[in-house]
Amino acid sequence: MLQHLLQENLVDYIAMDIKHIPGQYSEITNVSIPIKRYSESIELIMTSQIDYEFRTTVIQ
């Protein structure tokens, strides 16, 4: 979906929450997704020509 949106120039800004420790994404978020797709999304965003930000939450 993200790749399609970028190819069609349908977005001009992306903000993505990063809730990821390699190998523990499902445990932290309680959501099961293929980590490869998550990494691919990050790469798509970083290589796009649009403004973006990555956000995270730190719990101490």
N, C-alpha and C. Protein backbone atom coordinates (compact mmCIF):
# COMPACT_ATOMS: atom_id res chain seq x y z
N MET A 1 0.82 -1.18 0.00
CA MET A 1 0.00 0.00 0.00
C MET A 1 0.88 1.26 0.00
N LEU A 2 1.87 1.28 0.87
CA LEU A 2 2.76 2.45 0.96
C LEU A 2 3.45 2.71 -0.37
N GLN A 3 3.96 1.66 -0.98
CA GLN A 3 4.64 1.81 -2.26
C GLN A 3 3.70 2.39 -3.32
N HIS A 4 2.47 1.92 -3.35
CA HIS A 4 1.47 2.44 -4.29
C HIS A 4 1.22 3.93 -4.04
N LEU A 5 1.02 4.30 -2.80
CA LEU A 5 0.77 5.71 -2.47
C LEU A 5 1.92 6.60 -2.90
N LEU A 6 3.15 6.13 -2.68
CA LEU A 6 4.32 6.91 -3.08
C LEU A 6 4.44 7.01 -4.60
N GLN A 7 4.22 5.89 -5.29
CA GLN A 7 4.32 5.88 -6.75
C GLN A 7 3.30 6.81 -7.40
N GLU A 8 2.13 6.89 -6.81
CA GLU A 8 1.05 7.71 -7.37
C GLU A 8 1.10 9.16 -6.87
N ASN A 9 2.13 9.49 -6.09
CA ASN A 9 2.28 10.84 -5.53
C ASN A 9 1.04 11.28 -4.75
N LEU A 10 0.51 10.38 -3.93
CA LEU A 10 -0.70 10.65 -3.18
C LEU A 10 -0.43 11.13 -1.75
N VAL A 11 0.83 11.18 -1.36
CA VAL A 11 1.18 11.66 -0.03
C VAL A 11 2.29 12.69 -0.15
N ASP A 12 2.30 13.65 0.78
CA ASP A 12 3.37 14.63 0.77
C ASP A 12 4.15 14.66 2.09
N TYR A 13 3.75 13.80 3.02
CA TYR A 13 4.44 13.71 4.31
C TYR A 13 4.08 12.38 4.96
N ILE A 14 5.06 11.74 5.60
CA ILE A 14 4.81 10.48 6.32
C ILE A 14 5.42 10.58 7.70
N ALA A 15 4.66 10.18 8.70
CA ALA A 15 5.17 10.02 10.06
C ALA A 15 4.94 8.56 10.44
N MET A 16 5.99 7.88 10.82
CA MET A 16 5.89 6.45 11.16
C MET A 16 6.39 6.24 12.58
N ASP A 17 5.58 5.57 13.38
CA ASP A 17 5.99 5.20 14.73
C ASP A 17 6.88 3.97 14.67
N ILE A 18 7.99 4.03 15.36
CA ILE A 18 8.92 2.90 15.45
C ILE A 18 8.80 2.31 16.84
N LYS A 19 8.24 1.13 16.91
CA LYS A 19 8.09 0.42 18.18
C LYS A 19 8.75 -0.95 17.98
N HIS A 20 10.04 -0.92 17.83
CA HIS A 20 10.70 -2.11 17.34
C HIS A 20 12.06 -2.33 17.99
N ILE A 21 12.23 -3.46 18.53
CA ILE A 21 13.54 -3.99 18.89
C ILE A 21 13.67 -5.23 18.03
N PRO A 22 14.73 -5.34 17.25
CA PRO A 22 14.84 -6.48 16.33
C PRO A 22 14.48 -7.81 17.02
N GLY A 23 13.56 -8.51 16.41
CA GLY A 23 13.15 -9.81 16.92
C GLY A 23 12.10 -9.76 18.02
N GLN A 24 11.73 -8.57 18.49
CA GLN A 24 10.76 -8.48 19.58
C GLN A 24 9.55 -7.61 19.24
N TYR A 25 9.34 -7.30 17.97
CA TYR A 25 8.25 -6.42 17.58
C TYR A 25 6.91 -6.95 18.08
N SER A 26 6.63 -8.22 17.84
CA SER A 26 5.33 -8.80 18.23
C SER A 26 5.12 -8.75 19.74
N GLU A 27 6.16 -9.01 20.49
CA GLU A 27 6.08 -8.98 21.95
C GLU A 27 5.78 -7.58 22.46
N ILE A 28 6.40 -6.58 21.87
CA ILE A 28 6.25 -5.20 22.32
C ILE A 28 4.91 -4.61 21.93
N THR A 29 4.49 -4.87 20.68
CA THR A 29 3.28 -4.23 20.16
C THR A 29 2.03 -5.09 20.27
N ASN A 30 2.20 -6.37 20.55
CA ASN A 30 1.09 -7.32 20.59
C ASN A 30 0.42 -7.45 19.22
N VAL A 31 1.21 -7.20 18.16
CA VAL A 31 0.74 -7.32 16.79
C VAL A 31 1.76 -8.16 16.03
N SER A 32 1.29 -9.12 15.30
CA SER A 32 2.19 -9.98 14.54
C SER A 32 2.21 -9.54 13.08
N ILE A 33 3.38 -9.04 12.63
CA ILE A 33 3.57 -8.68 11.23
C ILE A 33 4.91 -9.23 10.77
N PRO A 34 5.04 -9.45 9.47
CA PRO A 34 6.36 -9.87 8.96
C PRO A 34 7.35 -8.71 9.11
N ILE A 35 8.40 -8.91 9.87
CA ILE A 35 9.39 -7.86 10.12
C ILE A 35 10.00 -7.37 8.81
N LYS A 36 10.13 -8.24 7.82
CA LYS A 36 10.68 -7.83 6.54
C LYS A 36 9.84 -6.71 5.92
N ARG A 37 8.54 -6.78 6.01
CA ARG A 37 7.67 -5.75 5.46
C ARG A 37 7.84 -4.43 6.22
N TYR A 38 8.01 -4.53 7.50
CA TYR A 38 8.25 -3.36 8.35
C TYR A 38 9.54 -2.66 7.90
N SER A 39 10.59 -3.43 7.72
CA SER A 39 11.88 -2.89 7.27
C SER A 39 11.78 -2.30 5.86
N GLU A 40 11.04 -2.96 5.00
CA GLU A 40 10.84 -2.46 3.64
C GLU A 40 10.12 -1.10 3.66
N SER A 41 9.15 -0.95 4.54
CA SER A 41 8.44 0.33 4.65
C SER A 41 9.39 1.44 5.07
N ILE A 42 10.25 1.15 6.02
CA ILE A 42 11.23 2.15 6.47
C ILE A 42 12.13 2.55 5.30
N GLU A 43 12.60 1.58 4.54
CA GLU A 43 13.46 1.85 3.39
C GLU A 43 12.73 2.67 2.33
N LEU A 44 11.48 2.33 2.04
CA LEU A 44 10.69 3.09 1.08
C LEU A 44 10.56 4.56 1.51
N ILE A 45 10.28 4.75 2.76
CA ILE A 45 10.12 6.11 3.28
C ILE A 45 11.43 6.89 3.17
N MET A 46 12.51 6.27 3.59
CA MET A 46 13.80 6.96 3.61
C MET A 46 14.31 7.29 2.21
N THR A 47 13.95 6.50 1.22
CA THR A 47 14.43 6.75 -0.14
C THR A 47 13.42 7.54 -0.98
N SER A 48 12.29 7.87 -0.39
CA SER A 48 11.30 8.68 -1.11
C SER A 48 11.80 10.12 -1.18
N GLN A 49 11.14 10.89 -1.97
CA GLN A 49 11.51 12.29 -2.12
C GLN A 49 10.57 13.21 -1.33
N ILE A 50 9.89 12.64 -0.34
CA ILE A 50 8.96 13.44 0.46
C ILE A 50 9.48 13.59 1.89
N ASP A 51 8.95 14.56 2.59
CA ASP A 51 9.32 14.77 4.00
C ASP A 51 8.76 13.63 4.84
N TYR A 52 9.54 13.24 5.85
CA TYR A 52 9.09 12.16 6.73
C TYR A 52 9.70 12.35 8.12
N GLU A 53 9.14 11.63 9.06
CA GLU A 53 9.73 11.55 10.39
C GLU A 53 9.44 10.17 10.96
N PHE A 54 10.35 9.70 11.79
CA PHE A 54 10.16 8.48 12.55
C PHE A 54 10.05 8.88 14.01
N ARG A 55 9.08 8.29 14.69
CA ARG A 55 8.84 8.64 16.10
C ARG A 55 8.91 7.36 16.93
N THR A 56 9.28 7.55 18.18
CA THR A 56 9.29 6.43 19.11
C THR A 56 8.98 6.92 20.52
N THR A 57 8.64 6.00 21.38
CA THR A 57 8.36 6.30 22.78
C THR A 57 9.42 5.61 23.62
N VAL A 58 9.96 6.34 24.57
CA VAL A 58 10.94 5.77 25.48
C VAL A 58 10.28 5.63 26.85
N ILE A 59 10.32 4.42 27.39
CA ILE A 59 9.76 4.17 28.71
C ILE A 59 10.92 3.81 29.63
N GLN A 60 11.01 4.55 30.73
CA GLN A 60 12.11 4.31 31.66
C GLN A 60 11.61 3.64 32.92
